[in-house]
Amino acid sequence: MTDAHQTVAGKRVVYESSGGPIAGLHIANFKAFGSKQFIPFRPLTLVFGANSAGKSSIIHALLLAKHIHERGDLDVIETTSKAGAVDLGGFSQFIHRNDTGLDVCLGLDFSLSDSKIVQLGGAHIYNSFPAVLDPSLVRRITSEWSFGLDATERKSVKSPLSLSRYEIRADGQDLLKFIQDPRPTTRRESRTETRANISTRATAHTGLLLDFVNFDSPLIRRWLEREVKELTGAKLTETDFKKLSAPDQHDHHIEAFCQSEEGAVPNKAVIEFTNGLSYAELHSKKHKLPSKGASRFKKISQLVGKLLERLADEVLRCVAVETEDMLKRTSYLKPLRLMPNREVGLPQTVDPLWQSGGGETWGILAKDKRVRKTVNRWLSLLEVPYELRVEEVSSKGGPPTGTGRKPNHRLWLVDQRSKTWVTHLDVGVGLSQMLPMLVNAAAKQNHIHLIEQPEIHLHPALQARLGDVFIESALGGDGNTFLLETHSEHLILRVLRRVRETTEDIEGVLKKGLTPVKPEDVAVLFVQPGEKGAKITQLPVIPDGDFSVPWPGGFFAERFQELP
């Protein structure tokens, strides 16, 4: 479980989260994508399109986001996170059309979980992030950041990469925006000497300046109203909020910087540089507002400036915890999964290439009886005539040992037709390509599975049946999310068939105990090239198992061309 922490009154306060499911991805200027595109996620998300249209770029964008959060590296050549390895070639290669004057934009939409603060040592904290981003009031959070070559050094070949913008939205409404200060020194020349150290930090480009606060947001208004009421006993008026949001007032009450303790994406506000009362000390004293006039608003502006630093800090930490926890539960399976040697038992290695090739799943099968049981049940559902077993090769009545072999445990496949004991190397390639998908789905819950070409080396009937496995894993209680980059007409037809059967199932019980699927559980996306980069079209699924719009460009129309 991911956590962020801070120290309040000498005590360590830990932020915990169970994470929220991904709801969407924003992409701009990354690989095939130019202008910003939004990719909605559902428990079952299927991405179609011609070769080189940009389908894989969606998966690669998520892996890049995961790598950045885990490693803090923006100029990524090869992602090496636990999700698996993908060679992106570095910024000059993955920036859209090799235009290094652009900024890559990545954004994640996710549902806010029931996050909480665990207080250690009896520390008292006046406010916590649920007081701002209350899960009972906010359904969706968007965390979006842009990065590129340093704005002041873009003419240099060796210019470093840096964040240029970071935004947080709640239910689509702007909350906070941070930008790289274009004039880190001169912007603050007119300010007091006590903020000279902030200018130094800004010049080093290690943080972002809080540039915008949405005072029209009911979340921010409620929080500020309560805080000012507690501090002064006075109530903020509509006129106060209008003055606070006026452009000429911005630099008077927006002072906070944000930065990351380890990675590239900010996860805290730098509040230690504020000279004067700390947040806790601010609440320990009484404050009196003048009844009216300019002096009243000046006092309000000063208080709000300090409160915004705390608010920004709480929101940044909350979003960091939720985002990192969500990305932590992301895995990737590349096309052409790996086939280990005949003696497969324990994992041979744990490097990212082995993981993205499905190599670790063979070790899971060999060790985890529960996973084997689920996978064997799915193999029966798929009408694959093999059963997985783990036996000692020298055991009495077990499989043949073979000349010169030492006794050990091995993962076997038992042919249910002939009762012959074989290994994965003795059967068709299709089974070795399918097993990693089944194992991942059985072993992981509340997980985001990124899979390229799930249908590879599978015959059409098996591609269709595989759809039932994805449906069960996503909607049968395990809470998994699948992003499937595919060309399989058979796979999507099975999903659409189950949608129709769910709609027609008046008694509420599908035949053969199949998992119900509703239109809102499925996102079918079509990617096609355009003048400004790849374009994504969503094909809405309707209750009768069809689409409300036709396939773009006659996709899947080949059968009619071949058989007129």
Protein backbone atom coordinates (compact mmCIF):
# COMPACT_ATOMS: atom_id res chain seq x y z
CA MET A 1 0.00 0.00 0.00
CA THR A 2 1.36 3.41 -0.96
CA ASP A 3 1.58 6.16 1.60
CA ALA A 4 2.72 9.75 1.87
CA HIS A 5 3.48 11.45 5.12
CA GLN A 6 4.23 14.74 6.77
CA THR A 7 5.25 15.88 10.23
CA VAL A 8 2.75 17.88 12.28
CA ALA A 9 3.75 19.18 15.70
CA GLY A 10 6.70 16.79 15.67
CA LYS A 11 4.51 13.77 14.90
CA ARG A 12 4.44 11.67 11.74
CA VAL A 13 1.04 11.55 10.03
CA VAL A 14 0.58 8.81 7.44
CA TYR A 15 -1.84 9.01 4.52
CA GLU A 16 -3.26 5.64 3.48
CA SER A 17 -5.33 4.65 0.49
CA SER A 18 -6.85 1.53 -0.96
CA GLY A 19 -6.74 3.19 -4.38
CA GLY A 20 -9.46 3.86 -6.93
CA PRO A 21 -10.08 2.26 -10.31
CA ILE A 22 -8.84 4.08 -13.39
CA ALA A 23 -11.59 5.92 -15.25
CA GLY A 24 -9.69 7.42 -18.14
CA LEU A 25 -6.44 8.58 -19.69
CA HIS A 26 -5.57 11.92 -21.31
CA ILE A 27 -2.80 11.96 -23.94
CA ALA A 28 -1.25 14.71 -26.05
CA ASN A 29 1.98 14.87 -28.06
CA PHE A 30 2.94 11.30 -27.24
CA LYS A 31 3.98 8.94 -30.04
CA ALA A 32 1.04 8.65 -32.47
CA PHE A 33 -1.08 11.19 -30.55
CA GLY A 34 -0.84 14.90 -31.29
CA SER A 35 -3.83 16.93 -30.13
CA LYS A 36 -5.20 15.88 -26.76
CA GLN A 37 -7.32 12.73 -26.75
CA PHE A 38 -9.32 11.17 -23.93
CA ILE A 39 -9.44 7.40 -23.54
CA PRO A 40 -12.33 6.27 -21.30
CA PHE A 41 -11.76 3.12 -19.26
CA ARG A 42 -14.39 0.57 -18.31
CA PRO A 43 -13.98 -2.85 -16.68
CA LEU A 44 -13.75 -4.15 -20.27
CA THR A 45 -12.02 -1.75 -22.65
CA LEU A 46 -11.26 -3.04 -26.15
CA VAL A 47 -9.11 -1.01 -28.51
CA PHE A 48 -9.32 -1.68 -32.27
CA GLY A 49 -7.68 -0.10 -35.28
CA ALA A 50 -5.38 -0.76 -38.21
CA ASN A 51 -1.71 -1.58 -37.71
CA SER A 52 0.37 1.47 -36.69
CA ALA A 53 -2.78 3.49 -35.99
CA GLY A 54 -1.70 4.20 -32.40
CA LYS A 55 -3.36 1.45 -30.34
CA SER A 56 -0.19 0.46 -28.52
CA SER A 57 0.56 4.12 -27.74
CA ILE A 58 -2.31 4.04 -25.24
CA ILE A 59 -0.72 1.19 -23.31
CA HIS A 60 2.73 2.74 -23.58
CA ALA A 61 1.42 6.04 -22.18
CA LEU A 62 0.17 4.27 -19.07
CA LEU A 63 3.48 2.45 -18.67
CA LEU A 64 5.30 5.77 -19.05
CA ALA A 65 3.11 7.33 -16.35
CA LYS A 66 3.82 4.39 -14.07
CA HIS A 67 7.56 4.62 -14.69
CA ILE A 68 7.60 8.37 -14.01
CA HIS A 69 5.77 7.91 -10.71
CA GLU A 70 7.96 5.01 -9.62
CA ARG A 71 11.35 6.18 -10.88
CA GLY A 72 11.03 9.94 -11.29
CA ASP A 73 12.64 9.72 -14.73
CA LEU A 74 11.13 11.79 -17.56
CA ASP A 75 13.59 10.99 -20.36
CA VAL A 76 12.54 7.34 -20.46
CA ILE A 77 14.34 5.04 -22.83
CA GLU A 78 13.09 1.72 -21.50
CA THR A 79 10.36 1.46 -18.87
CA THR A 80 11.68 -0.79 -16.12
CA SER A 81 8.85 -0.73 -13.62
CA LYS A 82 7.17 -3.83 -12.26
CA ALA A 83 4.57 -3.44 -14.97
CA GLY A 84 7.05 -4.68 -17.53
CA ALA A 85 9.55 -3.30 -20.03
CA VAL A 86 8.77 -1.26 -23.14
CA ASP A 87 11.47 0.47 -25.19
CA LEU A 88 10.30 4.07 -25.75
CA GLY A 89 13.67 5.33 -27.04
CA GLY A 90 13.80 8.51 -24.94
CA PHE A 91 12.00 11.85 -25.20
CA SER A 92 13.19 12.66 -28.74
CA GLN A 93 11.62 9.40 -29.92
CA PHE A 94 8.33 9.33 -28.03
CA ILE A 95 7.51 13.03 -28.47
CA HIS A 96 4.95 13.36 -31.28
CA ARG A 97 6.58 13.47 -34.72
CA ASN A 98 9.99 14.05 -33.06
CA ASP A 99 9.07 17.70 -32.41
CA THR A 100 11.12 18.45 -29.29
CA GLY A 101 9.54 21.88 -29.04
CA LEU A 102 6.34 20.22 -27.79
CA ASP A 103 5.41 19.06 -24.30
CA VAL A 104 4.08 15.59 -23.60
CA CYS A 105 0.80 15.70 -21.69
CA LEU A 106 -0.42 12.76 -19.61
CA GLY A 107 -3.47 12.75 -17.38
CA LEU A 108 -5.25 10.14 -15.29
CA ASP A 109 -8.90 10.06 -14.25
CA PHE A 110 -9.72 7.91 -11.25
CA SER A 111 -12.41 7.46 -8.65
CA LEU A 112 -11.49 8.81 -5.23
CA SER A 113 -11.39 5.98 -2.73
CA ASP A 114 -12.37 6.22 0.92
CA SER A 115 -8.96 7.56 1.85
CA LYS A 116 -8.11 8.22 5.43
CA ILE A 117 -5.41 9.66 7.63
CA VAL A 118 -3.79 7.44 10.22
CA GLN A 119 -2.47 9.60 13.04
CA LEU A 120 0.59 8.28 14.82
CA GLY A 121 1.62 9.36 18.29
CA GLY A 122 -1.60 11.22 19.00
CA ALA A 123 -0.79 14.11 16.68
CA HIS A 124 -3.62 16.58 16.25
CA ILE A 125 -4.23 17.87 12.75
CA TYR A 126 -6.97 20.40 12.11
CA ASN A 127 -7.80 19.33 8.62
CA SER A 128 -7.25 16.33 6.39
CA PHE A 129 -7.63 15.88 2.66
CA PRO A 130 -11.09 14.24 2.92
CA ALA A 131 -12.17 17.67 4.22
CA VAL A 132 -11.28 19.06 0.76
CA LEU A 133 -11.63 16.08 -1.59
CA ASP A 134 -14.42 14.34 0.27
CA PRO A 135 -15.19 10.98 -1.45
CA SER A 136 -18.86 11.49 -0.63
CA LEU A 137 -18.88 14.70 -2.69
CA VAL A 138 -16.25 14.06 -5.39
CA ARG A 139 -16.73 11.21 -7.84
CA ARG A 140 -13.71 11.67 -10.09
CA ILE A 141 -10.27 13.23 -9.78
CA THR A 142 -8.07 14.20 -12.72
CA SER A 143 -4.31 14.49 -12.27
CA GLU A 144 -2.69 15.91 -15.41
CA TRP A 145 0.88 16.95 -16.03
CA SER A 146 2.99 18.18 -18.96
CA PHE A 147 6.72 17.94 -19.42
CA GLY A 148 9.30 18.76 -22.06
CA LEU A 149 12.66 20.41 -22.59
CA ASP A 150 13.33 23.19 -20.12
CA ALA A 151 11.60 26.30 -21.44
CA THR A 152 14.70 28.46 -20.91
CA GLU A 153 17.12 26.03 -22.57
CA ARG A 154 15.25 24.47 -25.51
CA LYS A 155 17.92 25.53 -27.98
CA SER A 156 20.45 23.38 -26.18
CA VAL A 157 20.89 19.80 -27.35
CA LYS A 158 21.59 18.77 -23.75
CA SER A 159 18.64 20.64 -22.30
CA PRO A 160 17.09 18.77 -19.35
CA LEU A 161 13.47 17.71 -19.16
CA SER A 162 11.21 19.30 -16.59
CA LEU A 163 7.55 19.62 -15.67
CA SER A 164 5.95 22.68 -17.21
CA ARG A 165 2.43 22.29 -15.84
CA TYR A 166 0.44 20.29 -13.32
CA GLU A 167 -3.33 20.45 -12.89
CA ILE A 168 -5.84 18.85 -10.55
CA ARG A 169 -9.54 18.71 -11.39
CA ALA A 170 -12.55 17.37 -9.47
CA ASP A 171 -15.46 16.03 -11.50
CA GLY A 172 -14.12 17.92 -14.52
CA GLN A 173 -13.88 21.28 -12.71
CA ASP A 174 -10.49 22.96 -12.28
CA LEU A 175 -9.22 23.07 -8.70
CA LEU A 176 -5.50 23.91 -8.70
CA LYS A 177 -2.99 24.67 -11.44
CA PHE A 178 0.77 24.80 -11.06
CA ILE A 179 3.18 26.13 -13.68
CA GLN A 180 6.90 26.49 -14.11
CA ASP A 181 7.72 30.11 -13.26
CA PRO A 182 8.88 31.67 -16.57
CA ARG A 183 10.79 34.38 -14.67
CA PRO A 184 11.81 32.72 -11.42
CA THR A 185 13.95 35.62 -10.18
CA THR A 186 12.39 38.82 -11.54
CA ARG A 187 8.87 37.68 -10.69
CA ARG A 188 9.71 37.89 -7.01
CA GLU A 189 12.01 40.95 -6.95
CA SER A 190 9.26 43.12 -5.52
CA ARG A 191 8.49 40.69 -2.71
CA THR A 192 9.89 40.72 0.76
CA GLU A 193 13.40 39.47 1.50
CA THR A 194 11.95 36.56 3.47
CA ARG A 195 11.04 34.85 0.19
CA ALA A 196 14.48 34.98 -1.37
CA ASN A 197 15.00 31.30 -0.68
CA ILE A 198 11.86 30.47 -2.68
CA SER A 199 13.36 32.31 -5.65
CA THR A 200 16.45 30.15 -5.39
CA ARG A 201 14.34 27.02 -5.37
CA ALA A 202 12.35 28.25 -8.37
CA THR A 203 15.47 29.08 -10.35
CA ALA A 204 16.62 25.50 -9.90
CA HIS A 205 13.34 24.32 -11.45
CA THR A 206 12.75 21.79 -8.70
CA GLY A 207 9.24 22.94 -8.04
CA LEU A 208 6.15 24.46 -9.64
CA LEU A 209 4.41 27.69 -8.75
CA LEU A 210 0.78 27.57 -7.66
CA ASP A 211 -0.69 29.71 -10.41
CA PHE A 212 -4.44 29.23 -10.16
CA VAL A 213 -7.00 28.43 -7.47
CA ASN A 214 -10.63 28.03 -8.41
CA PHE A 215 -12.45 30.07 -5.79
CA ASP A 216 -15.73 29.17 -7.51
CA SER A 217 -15.27 25.52 -6.62
CA PRO A 218 -17.68 24.51 -3.86
CA LEU A 219 -15.00 22.25 -2.41
CA ILE A 220 -12.50 25.08 -1.98
CA ARG A 221 -15.14 27.55 -0.88
CA ARG A 222 -16.46 25.24 1.81
CA TRP A 223 -12.97 24.56 3.15
CA LEU A 224 -11.95 28.25 3.23
CA GLU A 225 -15.26 29.36 4.75
CA ARG A 226 -14.86 26.88 7.58
CA GLU A 227 -11.21 27.78 8.17
CA VAL A 228 -11.76 31.55 8.21
CA LYS A 229 -14.80 31.10 10.46
CA GLU A 230 -12.74 29.07 12.92
CA LEU A 231 -9.84 31.55 12.84
CA THR A 232 -11.76 34.85 12.98
CA GLY A 233 -15.40 34.11 13.70
CA ALA A 234 -16.28 35.98 10.49
CA LYS A 235 -18.02 34.67 7.40
CA LEU A 236 -16.55 35.04 3.93
CA THR A 237 -18.93 36.88 1.62
CA GLU A 238 -19.52 36.59 -2.11
CA THR A 239 -17.68 39.91 -2.50
CA ASP A 240 -14.67 38.45 -0.68
CA PHE A 241 -14.50 35.52 -3.08
CA LYS A 242 -14.79 37.80 -6.12
CA LYS A 243 -11.89 39.91 -4.87
CA LEU A 244 -9.80 36.83 -4.08
CA SER A 245 -10.26 35.50 -7.60
CA ALA A 246 -9.46 38.82 -9.31
CA PRO A 247 -6.31 38.64 -11.50
CA ASP A 248 -4.66 41.60 -9.76
CA GLN A 249 -4.94 39.82 -6.41
CA HIS A 250 -3.26 36.58 -7.52
CA ASP A 251 0.28 37.28 -6.38
CA HIS A 252 -0.91 38.51 -3.00
CA HIS A 253 -2.37 35.24 -1.80
CA ILE A 254 -0.92 32.50 -4.01
CA GLU A 255 2.59 31.76 -2.77
CA ALA A 256 2.97 28.00 -2.45
CA PHE A 257 5.36 25.86 -4.42
CA CYS A 258 4.98 22.16 -4.94
CA GLN A 259 7.56 19.47 -5.52
CA SER A 260 8.12 15.75 -5.23
CA GLU A 261 10.20 14.14 -2.53
CA GLU A 262 11.45 11.40 -4.86
CA GLY A 263 9.83 11.36 -8.30
CA ALA A 264 9.10 13.90 -10.99
CA VAL A 265 5.40 14.42 -10.26
CA PRO A 266 4.68 16.75 -7.31
CA ASN A 267 3.33 15.19 -4.13
CA LYS A 268 3.62 17.98 -1.60
CA ALA A 269 3.54 21.76 -1.27
CA VAL A 270 6.64 23.51 0.02
CA ILE A 271 5.23 25.32 3.01
CA GLU A 272 8.38 25.42 5.11
CA PHE A 273 9.58 28.60 3.32
CA THR A 274 6.73 30.75 4.63
CA ASN A 275 8.09 33.18 7.22
CA GLY A 276 5.81 33.61 10.19
CA LEU A 277 3.21 31.38 11.83
CA SER A 278 2.93 27.73 10.89
CA TYR A 279 -0.47 26.28 10.13
CA ALA A 280 -0.79 24.81 13.62
CA GLU A 281 0.37 28.10 15.20
CA LEU A 282 -2.09 29.96 13.02
CA HIS A 283 -4.92 28.00 14.65
CA SER A 284 -3.52 28.48 18.14
CA LYS A 285 -4.05 32.26 18.04
CA LYS A 286 -7.10 34.46 17.79
CA HIS A 287 -7.50 36.62 14.70
CA LYS A 288 -9.78 39.62 14.38
CA LEU A 289 -11.04 41.03 11.10
CA PRO A 290 -11.97 44.69 10.66
CA SER A 291 -15.67 45.09 10.04
CA LYS A 292 -15.20 46.59 6.57
CA GLY A 293 -12.92 48.42 4.22
CA ALA A 294 -9.64 47.67 2.49
CA SER A 295 -7.94 46.62 5.68
CA ARG A 296 -10.52 43.84 6.17
CA PHE A 297 -9.83 42.33 2.76
CA LYS A 298 -6.06 42.71 3.24
CA LYS A 299 -6.32 40.65 6.42
CA ILE A 300 -8.49 38.06 4.65
CA SER A 301 -6.00 37.86 1.77
CA GLN A 302 -3.13 37.24 4.18
CA LEU A 303 -5.01 34.47 5.97
CA VAL A 304 -6.15 32.87 2.73
CA GLY A 305 -2.56 32.90 1.44
CA LYS A 306 -1.44 30.78 4.39
CA LEU A 307 -4.50 28.55 4.20
CA LEU A 308 -3.99 27.92 0.48
CA GLU A 309 -0.52 26.60 1.20
CA ARG A 310 -2.04 24.01 3.52
CA LEU A 311 -4.91 23.25 1.13
CA ALA A 312 -2.49 22.74 -1.78
CA ASP A 313 -0.38 20.46 0.39
CA GLU A 314 -3.34 18.32 1.43
CA VAL A 315 -4.71 18.00 -2.10
CA LEU A 316 -1.30 17.19 -3.62
CA ARG A 317 -0.67 14.46 -1.04
CA CYS A 318 -4.11 12.96 -1.49
CA VAL A 319 -3.80 12.84 -5.29
CA ALA A 320 -0.26 11.43 -5.08
CA VAL A 321 -1.36 8.60 -2.79
CA GLU A 322 -4.34 7.70 -4.96
CA THR A 323 -2.44 7.92 -8.26
CA GLU A 324 0.58 5.96 -7.12
CA ASP A 325 -1.54 3.24 -5.57
CA MET A 326 -3.60 2.90 -8.75
CA LEU A 327 -0.52 2.70 -10.98
CA LYS A 328 1.08 0.21 -8.60
CA ARG A 329 -1.73 -2.20 -9.49
CA THR A 330 -1.01 -2.12 -13.22
CA SER A 331 0.57 -4.98 -15.17
CA TYR A 332 1.44 -5.47 -18.82
CA LEU A 333 1.56 -8.48 -21.14
CA LYS A 334 3.22 -7.93 -24.48
CA PRO A 335 2.38 -9.90 -27.63
CA LEU A 336 4.35 -13.13 -28.08
CA ARG A 337 4.45 -14.26 -24.47
CA LEU A 338 7.55 -16.16 -23.35
CA MET A 339 7.87 -19.94 -23.10
CA PRO A 340 10.11 -21.13 -20.23
CA ASN A 341 12.11 -24.33 -20.37
CA ARG A 342 10.73 -27.76 -19.65
CA GLU A 343 11.79 -27.69 -15.99
CA VAL A 344 9.56 -24.72 -15.14
CA GLY A 345 8.88 -24.46 -11.43
CA LEU A 346 10.01 -21.36 -9.60
CA PRO A 347 10.39 -18.08 -11.50
CA GLN A 348 13.63 -18.06 -13.47
CA THR A 349 14.14 -14.32 -13.13
CA VAL A 350 12.28 -11.18 -12.08
CA ASP A 351 13.49 -8.70 -14.68
CA PRO A 352 10.85 -6.54 -16.41
CA LEU A 353 11.21 -8.28 -19.77
CA TRP A 354 10.46 -11.61 -18.12
CA GLN A 355 7.41 -10.10 -16.41
CA SER A 356 5.96 -8.40 -19.50
CA GLY A 357 6.45 -11.65 -21.38
CA GLY A 358 4.34 -13.50 -18.82
CA GLY A 359 7.31 -15.42 -17.42
CA GLU A 360 6.38 -14.94 -13.76
CA THR A 361 2.98 -16.56 -14.28
CA TRP A 362 4.54 -20.01 -14.70
CA GLY A 363 6.06 -19.80 -11.25
CA ILE A 364 2.71 -18.68 -9.83
CA LEU A 365 1.05 -21.71 -11.40
CA ALA A 366 3.66 -24.00 -9.88
CA LYS A 367 3.32 -22.56 -6.37
CA ASP A 368 -0.26 -21.32 -5.95
CA LYS A 369 -2.87 -24.06 -5.66
CA ARG A 370 -5.76 -21.58 -5.60
CA VAL A 371 -4.67 -20.00 -8.88
CA ARG A 372 -4.23 -23.44 -10.49
CA LYS A 373 -7.75 -24.38 -9.42
CA THR A 374 -9.23 -21.24 -11.01
CA VAL A 375 -7.19 -21.61 -14.19
CA ASN A 376 -8.19 -25.28 -14.51
CA ARG A 377 -11.84 -24.27 -14.21
CA TRP A 378 -11.34 -21.68 -16.94
CA LEU A 379 -9.58 -24.19 -19.16
CA SER A 380 -12.69 -26.36 -18.88
CA LEU A 381 -14.89 -23.36 -19.72
CA LEU A 382 -12.66 -22.67 -22.73
CA GLU A 383 -12.98 -26.31 -23.78
CA VAL A 384 -9.20 -26.77 -23.62
CA PRO A 385 -8.62 -30.50 -22.87
CA TYR A 386 -5.77 -30.09 -20.36
CA GLU A 387 -5.53 -29.94 -16.58
CA LEU A 388 -2.62 -28.30 -14.74
CA ARG A 389 -0.93 -30.32 -12.01
CA VAL A 390 2.21 -30.07 -9.94
CA GLU A 391 3.79 -33.43 -9.18
CA GLU A 392 7.15 -34.77 -8.10
CA VAL A 393 8.66 -36.38 -11.16
CA SER A 394 9.79 -39.45 -9.20
CA SER A 395 6.57 -39.94 -7.23
CA LYS A 396 4.93 -43.32 -7.34
CA GLY A 397 2.18 -43.43 -9.94
CA GLY A 398 3.18 -40.01 -11.19
CA PRO A 399 4.51 -38.97 -14.56
CA PRO A 400 7.58 -40.71 -16.01
CA THR A 401 10.88 -39.52 -14.55
CA GLY A 402 13.08 -40.11 -17.55
CA THR A 403 16.63 -41.37 -17.61
CA GLY A 404 19.09 -39.47 -15.46
CA ARG A 405 16.62 -36.91 -14.07
CA LYS A 406 16.87 -35.88 -10.43
CA PRO A 407 13.64 -35.96 -8.36
CA ASN A 408 11.97 -32.53 -8.33
CA HIS A 409 8.58 -30.87 -8.71
CA ARG A 410 7.35 -29.87 -12.11
CA LEU A 411 4.32 -28.17 -13.61
CA TRP A 412 2.51 -30.68 -15.80
CA LEU A 413 -0.36 -30.68 -18.25
CA VAL A 414 -2.53 -33.77 -18.19
CA ASP A 415 -4.34 -34.47 -21.47
CA GLN A 416 -7.90 -35.30 -20.35
CA ARG A 417 -8.50 -37.33 -23.51
CA SER A 418 -5.56 -39.74 -23.27
CA LYS A 419 -4.45 -39.12 -19.64
CA THR A 420 -0.98 -38.40 -21.01
CA TRP A 421 1.40 -36.27 -18.90
CA VAL A 422 3.04 -33.54 -20.98
CA THR A 423 4.66 -30.14 -20.55
CA HIS A 424 3.81 -26.84 -22.19
CA LEU A 425 6.50 -27.56 -24.81
CA ASP A 426 4.67 -30.68 -25.92
CA VAL A 427 1.44 -28.92 -26.90
CA GLY A 428 0.52 -26.13 -29.32
CA VAL A 429 1.94 -22.62 -28.90
CA GLY A 430 -1.54 -21.19 -28.32
CA LEU A 431 -1.79 -22.58 -24.79
CA SER A 432 1.51 -20.98 -23.73
CA GLN A 433 0.26 -17.64 -25.09
CA MET A 434 -3.05 -17.90 -23.23
CA LEU A 435 -1.92 -19.17 -19.81
CA PRO A 436 -0.20 -15.91 -18.71
CA MET A 437 -3.48 -14.04 -19.26
CA LEU A 438 -5.46 -16.58 -17.26
CA VAL A 439 -2.94 -16.64 -14.42
CA ASN A 440 -2.79 -12.85 -14.13
CA ALA A 441 -6.58 -12.65 -14.10
CA ALA A 442 -6.84 -15.36 -11.43
CA ALA A 443 -4.00 -14.15 -9.21
CA LYS A 444 -4.74 -10.42 -9.06
CA GLN A 445 -7.76 -8.48 -7.83
CA ASN A 446 -8.62 -4.79 -8.35
CA HIS A 447 -5.88 -4.75 -10.95
CA ILE A 448 -5.43 -2.99 -14.28
CA HIS A 449 -4.39 -5.51 -16.94
CA LEU A 450 -2.82 -4.12 -20.12
CA ILE A 451 -2.71 -6.84 -22.76
CA GLU A 452 -1.60 -6.59 -26.36
CA GLN A 453 -3.15 -9.06 -28.81
CA PRO A 454 -4.83 -11.48 -26.39
CA GLU A 455 -5.97 -13.51 -29.39
CA ILE A 456 -2.50 -14.34 -30.71
CA HIS A 457 -2.11 -18.02 -31.76
CA LEU A 458 -5.71 -18.83 -30.71
CA HIS A 459 -8.30 -20.21 -33.09
CA PRO A 460 -11.52 -18.17 -33.57
CA ALA A 461 -13.73 -20.22 -31.22
CA LEU A 462 -11.18 -19.94 -28.43
CA GLN A 463 -10.84 -16.18 -28.98
CA ALA A 464 -14.60 -15.87 -28.43
CA ARG A 465 -14.61 -18.05 -25.30
CA LEU A 466 -11.74 -16.01 -23.87
CA GLY A 467 -14.19 -13.12 -23.68
CA ASP A 468 -16.11 -14.99 -20.94
CA VAL A 469 -12.94 -15.24 -18.84
CA PHE A 470 -12.32 -11.49 -19.10
CA ILE A 471 -15.97 -10.81 -18.24
CA GLU A 472 -15.86 -12.99 -15.13
CA SER A 473 -12.57 -11.56 -13.88
CA ALA A 474 -13.73 -7.97 -14.42
CA LEU A 475 -17.35 -8.22 -13.27
CA GLY A 476 -17.57 -11.42 -11.24
CA GLY A 477 -16.22 -10.01 -7.98
CA ASP A 478 -12.47 -9.60 -8.50
CA GLY A 479 -12.85 -6.02 -9.70
CA ASN A 480 -10.21 -6.21 -12.44
CA THR A 481 -9.97 -3.78 -15.34
CA PHE A 482 -8.85 -4.98 -18.78
CA LEU A 483 -7.43 -2.82 -21.55
CA LEU A 484 -7.21 -5.15 -24.54
CA GLU A 485 -5.44 -4.02 -27.71
CA THR A 486 -6.88 -6.44 -30.23
CA HIS A 487 -7.86 -7.23 -33.81
CA SER A 488 -10.24 -10.02 -32.82
CA GLU A 489 -13.75 -9.73 -34.18
CA HIS A 490 -14.62 -12.96 -32.36
CA LEU A 491 -13.68 -11.53 -28.96
CA ILE A 492 -15.84 -8.42 -29.29
CA LEU A 493 -18.74 -10.43 -30.69
CA ARG A 494 -18.75 -12.63 -27.59
CA VAL A 495 -18.81 -9.61 -25.30
CA LEU A 496 -21.65 -8.04 -27.29
CA ARG A 497 -23.55 -11.32 -27.20
CA ARG A 498 -23.31 -11.41 -23.40
CA VAL A 499 -24.58 -7.82 -23.23
CA ARG A 500 -27.64 -8.81 -25.25
CA GLU A 501 -28.21 -11.94 -23.17
CA THR A 502 -27.97 -9.88 -19.97
CA THR A 503 -30.59 -7.47 -21.31
CA GLU A 504 -32.91 -10.33 -22.33
CA ASP A 505 -32.41 -12.21 -19.08
CA ILE A 506 -35.72 -11.26 -17.47
CA GLU A 507 -35.29 -13.60 -14.49
CA GLY A 508 -31.88 -12.12 -13.70
CA VAL A 509 -29.94 -15.38 -13.95
CA LEU A 510 -27.87 -15.97 -17.06
CA LYS A 511 -27.72 -19.46 -18.46
CA LYS A 512 -24.79 -21.61 -17.30
CA GLY A 513 -23.98 -19.19 -14.49
CA LEU A 514 -22.39 -16.60 -16.79
CA THR A 515 -21.52 -13.14 -15.45
CA PRO A 516 -23.93 -10.33 -16.45
CA VAL A 517 -22.54 -7.54 -18.63
CA LYS A 518 -24.20 -4.15 -19.05
CA PRO A 519 -23.43 -1.61 -21.81
CA GLU A 520 -21.78 0.72 -19.28
CA ASP A 521 -19.30 -2.05 -18.37
CA VAL A 522 -17.80 -2.00 -21.88
CA ALA A 523 -15.83 0.61 -23.81
CA VAL A 524 -15.06 -0.14 -27.45
CA LEU A 525 -12.56 2.30 -28.94
CA PHE A 526 -11.45 2.70 -32.53
CA VAL A 527 -8.09 4.38 -33.26
CA GLN A 528 -7.32 5.83 -36.65
CA PRO A 529 -4.67 8.23 -37.96
CA GLY A 530 -5.48 11.87 -38.62
CA GLU A 531 -3.80 15.11 -39.71
CA LYS A 532 -3.12 16.09 -36.10
CA GLY A 533 -2.23 12.61 -34.94
CA ALA A 534 -4.19 9.56 -33.91
CA LYS A 535 -7.86 10.05 -33.21
CA ILE A 536 -9.98 7.93 -30.88
CA THR A 537 -13.64 7.23 -31.58
CA GLN A 538 -15.77 5.55 -28.95
CA LEU A 539 -18.42 3.17 -30.24
CA PRO A 540 -21.20 3.20 -27.61
CA VAL A 541 -22.64 -0.23 -26.83
CA ILE A 542 -26.44 -0.42 -26.54
CA PRO A 543 -28.49 -2.96 -24.55
CA ASP A 544 -29.29 -5.18 -27.53
CA GLY A 545 -25.58 -5.95 -27.98
CA ASP A 546 -24.95 -3.65 -30.92
CA PHE A 547 -23.35 -0.24 -31.44
CA SER A 548 -25.26 3.02 -31.67
CA VAL A 549 -22.93 4.14 -34.50
CA PRO A 550 -21.39 2.19 -37.41
CA TRP A 551 -17.78 1.03 -37.41
CA PRO A 552 -15.55 3.80 -38.83
CA GLY A 553 -13.95 3.18 -42.20
CA GLY A 554 -15.67 -0.14 -42.79
CA PHE A 555 -13.57 -1.95 -40.19
CA PHE A 556 -14.46 -5.66 -40.03
CA ALA A 557 -16.03 -5.34 -43.48
CA GLU A 558 -13.45 -7.63 -45.09
CA ARG A 559 -15.80 -10.62 -45.01
CA PHE A 560 -18.20 -8.78 -47.29
CA GLN A 561 -15.38 -7.85 -49.68
CA GLU A 562 -14.03 -11.41 -49.79
CA LEU A 563 -17.49 -13.01 -50.05
CA PRO A 564 -19.61 -10.61 -52.12
